[in-house]
Each structure stands twice: as structure tokens, then as C-alpha cells.
Amino acid sequence: MSEGTTERYRVKISATLDPDLLQAVDRFVRETPHYSRSQVIEDALQLWSKQQLERQMAAQYELQPSDPEPDEWADWRHIRRAAATRSLGKE
């Protein structure tokens, strides 16, 4: 696969935008020649996607953690004792 084939993996869409917003995008594209409308929209969608992920992670952290099961605590105690025994050389 050659380097120039990435364009065929893009999907063309149609969107209805606020005219003032589109003017701002067009002004930016005129002032920044290596950008296109498509690149500005893709950058905006990537930023939106990142924000959505951050919101989802924040919501997950806000959930109350569940208490570990008693068996899990027993397993951790066993692991700690084994590690302490090894590190203190008391095998």
C-alpha cells in the first residue's frame, strides 16, 4: 500500500452549519494554506471525541468504588505476607 492511499479511506459527508461558523472556518483556511475545511472539521471532531472520552472517564471515577470481596482481601494478605517473607529472607 502506498503512502498516498489514505484519502480513499475517508468518508465524504454533508453537514449544515451556522453561516458565521463557516465564515470563521473559511477565514482560517485562507490564512492557513495547509489546512482545508475537511481538516478543520476533522480536528474539531477529534477534539470533541477526546472531550467525550474525558467526560466518560470522569463519570466513571465519580462512581462509588465497590468493596472488595472477602476472598480478595484474603488473597491480598497472602500475597503481602509472601512478599514480606521473601524480602526479609525468612523462607
C-alpha atoms as a PDB file:
ATOM      1  CA  MET A   1       0.000   0.000   0.000  1.00  0.00           C
ATOM      2  CA  SER A   2       1.445   3.363  -0.943  1.00  0.00           C
ATOM      3  CA  GLU A   3       1.606   6.474   1.219  1.00  0.00           C
ATOM      4  CA  GLY A   4      -0.911   8.338  -0.968  1.00  0.00           C
ATOM      5  CA  THR A   5      -3.778   5.913  -0.413  1.00  0.00           C
ATOM      6  CA  THR A   6      -5.060   7.334   2.880  1.00  0.00           C
ATOM      7  CA  GLU A   7      -7.578   9.595   1.098  1.00  0.00           C
ATOM      8  CA  ARG A   8      -9.652   6.676  -0.158  1.00  0.00           C
ATOM      9  CA  TYR A   9     -10.318   5.604   3.431  1.00  0.00           C
ATOM     10  CA  ARG A  10     -12.024   8.884   4.211  1.00  0.00           C
ATOM     11  CA  VAL A  11     -15.802   9.191   4.126  1.00  0.00           C
ATOM     12  CA  LYS A  12     -17.409  12.177   2.464  1.00  0.00           C
ATOM     13  CA  ILE A  13     -20.316  13.692   4.400  1.00  0.00           C
ATOM     14  CA  SER A  14     -22.647  16.628   4.148  1.00  0.00           C
ATOM     15  CA  ALA A  15     -23.323  18.937   7.091  1.00  0.00           C
ATOM     16  CA  THR A  16     -25.424  22.015   7.723  1.00  0.00           C
ATOM     17  CA  LEU A  17     -23.503  24.701   9.611  1.00  0.00           C
ATOM     18  CA  ASP A  18     -24.128  28.126  11.047  1.00  0.00           C
ATOM     19  CA  PRO A  19     -23.013  30.628   8.369  1.00  0.00           C
ATOM     20  CA  ASP A  20     -20.928  32.638  10.849  1.00  0.00           C
ATOM     21  CA  LEU A  21     -19.110  29.499  11.939  1.00  0.00           C
ATOM     22  CA  LEU A  22     -18.423  28.536   8.337  1.00  0.00           C
ATOM     23  CA  GLN A  23     -17.092  32.040   7.653  1.00  0.00           C
ATOM     24  CA  ALA A  24     -14.696  31.652  10.573  1.00  0.00           C
ATOM     25  CA  VAL A  25     -13.537  28.289   9.212  1.00  0.00           C
ATOM     26  CA  ASP A  26     -13.076  29.711   5.704  1.00  0.00           C
ATOM     27  CA  ARG A  27     -11.142  32.693   7.077  1.00  0.00           C
ATOM     28  CA  PHE A  28      -8.851  30.314   8.985  1.00  0.00           C
ATOM     29  CA  VAL A  29      -8.342  28.154   5.878  1.00  0.00           C
ATOM     30  CA  ARG A  30      -7.446  31.229   3.786  1.00  0.00           C
ATOM     31  CA  GLU A  31      -4.904  32.310   6.416  1.00  0.00           C
ATOM     32  CA  THR A  32      -3.518  28.797   6.925  1.00  0.00           C
ATOM     33  CA  PRO A  33      -2.876  27.326   3.463  1.00  0.00           C
ATOM     34  CA  HIS A  34      -2.015  23.800   4.621  1.00  0.00           C
ATOM     35  CA  TYR A  35      -5.491  23.467   6.185  1.00  0.00           C
ATOM     36  CA  SER A  36      -8.723  22.664   4.402  1.00  0.00           C
ATOM     37  CA  ARG A  37     -12.315  22.766   5.587  1.00  0.00           C
ATOM     38  CA  SER A  38     -12.153  18.999   5.930  1.00  0.00           C
ATOM     39  CA  GLN A  39      -9.057  19.184   8.135  1.00  0.00           C
ATOM     40  CA  VAL A  40     -10.637  21.825  10.379  1.00  0.00           C
ATOM     41  CA  ILE A  41     -13.776  19.705  10.766  1.00  0.00           C
ATOM     42  CA  GLU A  42     -11.710  16.570  11.412  1.00  0.00           C
ATOM     43  CA  ASP A  43      -9.643  18.396  14.058  1.00  0.00           C
ATOM     44  CA  ALA A  44     -12.841  19.653  15.686  1.00  0.00           C
ATOM     45  CA  LEU A  45     -14.335  16.151  15.733  1.00  0.00           C
ATOM     46  CA  GLN A  46     -11.146  14.703  17.200  1.00  0.00           C
ATOM     47  CA  LEU A  47     -11.270  17.329  19.955  1.00  0.00           C
ATOM     48  CA  TRP A  48     -14.944  16.517  20.562  1.00  0.00           C
ATOM     49  CA  SER A  49     -14.147  12.801  20.708  1.00  0.00           C
ATOM     50  CA  LYS A  50     -11.361  13.426  23.245  1.00  0.00           C
ATOM     51  CA  GLN A  51     -13.710  15.526  25.393  1.00  0.00           C
ATOM     52  CA  GLN A  52     -16.334  12.771  25.307  1.00  0.00           C
ATOM     53  CA  LEU A  53     -13.757  10.239  26.494  1.00  0.00           C
ATOM     54  CA  GLU A  54     -12.650  12.574  29.293  1.00  0.00           C
ATOM     55  CA  ARG A  55     -16.285  13.054  30.387  1.00  0.00           C
ATOM     56  CA  GLN A  56     -16.845   9.303  30.404  1.00  0.00           C
ATOM     57  CA  MET A  57     -13.683   8.756  32.471  1.00  0.00           C
ATOM     58  CA  ALA A  58     -14.704  11.480  34.926  1.00  0.00           C
ATOM     59  CA  ALA A  59     -18.143   9.901  35.312  1.00  0.00           C
ATOM     60  CA  GLN A  60     -16.525   6.525  35.935  1.00  0.00           C
ATOM     61  CA  TYR A  61     -14.259   7.969  38.640  1.00  0.00           C
ATOM     62  CA  GLU A  62     -17.241   9.610  40.331  1.00  0.00           C
ATOM     63  CA  LEU A  63     -18.882   6.228  40.886  1.00  0.00           C
ATOM     64  CA  GLN A  64     -18.535   4.822  44.377  1.00  0.00           C
ATOM     65  CA  PRO A  65     -15.973   2.025  44.375  1.00  0.00           C
ATOM     66  CA  SER A  66     -17.335  -1.318  45.418  1.00  0.00           C
ATOM     67  CA  ASP A  67     -15.891  -3.007  48.496  1.00  0.00           C
ATOM     68  CA  PRO A  68     -13.522  -5.837  47.637  1.00  0.00           C
ATOM     69  CA  GLU A  69     -14.859  -9.303  48.306  1.00  0.00           C
ATOM     70  CA  PRO A  70     -13.606 -11.018  51.485  1.00  0.00           C
ATOM     71  CA  ASP A  71     -11.801 -13.638  49.362  1.00  0.00           C
ATOM     72  CA  GLU A  72      -9.996 -10.859  47.500  1.00  0.00           C
ATOM     73  CA  TRP A  73      -8.798  -9.352  50.802  1.00  0.00           C
ATOM     74  CA  ALA A  74      -7.566 -12.781  51.926  1.00  0.00           C
ATOM     75  CA  ASP A  75      -5.662 -13.191  48.648  1.00  0.00           C
ATOM     76  CA  TRP A  76      -4.012  -9.784  49.090  1.00  0.00           C
ATOM     77  CA  ARG A  77      -2.997 -10.609  52.673  1.00  0.00           C
ATOM     78  CA  HIS A  78      -1.430 -13.851  51.444  1.00  0.00           C
ATOM     79  CA  ILE A  79       0.479 -12.010  48.683  1.00  0.00           C
ATOM     80  CA  ARG A  80       1.738  -9.350  51.141  1.00  0.00           C
ATOM     81  CA  ARG A  81       2.910 -11.978  53.638  1.00  0.00           C
ATOM     82  CA  ALA A  82       4.718 -13.925  50.912  1.00  0.00           C
ATOM     83  CA  ALA A  83       6.423 -10.756  49.645  1.00  0.00           C
ATOM     84  CA  ALA A  84       7.435  -9.719  53.170  1.00  0.00           C
ATOM     85  CA  THR A  85       8.791 -13.200  53.879  1.00  0.00           C
ATOM     86  CA  ARG A  86      10.849 -13.148  50.670  1.00  0.00           C
ATOM     87  CA  SER A  87      12.196  -9.665  51.258  1.00  0.00           C
ATOM     88  CA  LEU A  88      13.118 -10.433  54.880  1.00  0.00           C
ATOM     89  CA  GLY A  89      14.689 -13.737  53.928  1.00  0.00           C
ATOM     90  CA  LYS A  90      12.532 -15.808  56.280  1.00  0.00           C
ATOM     91  CA  GLU A  91      11.647 -18.612  53.886  1.00  0.00           C
END
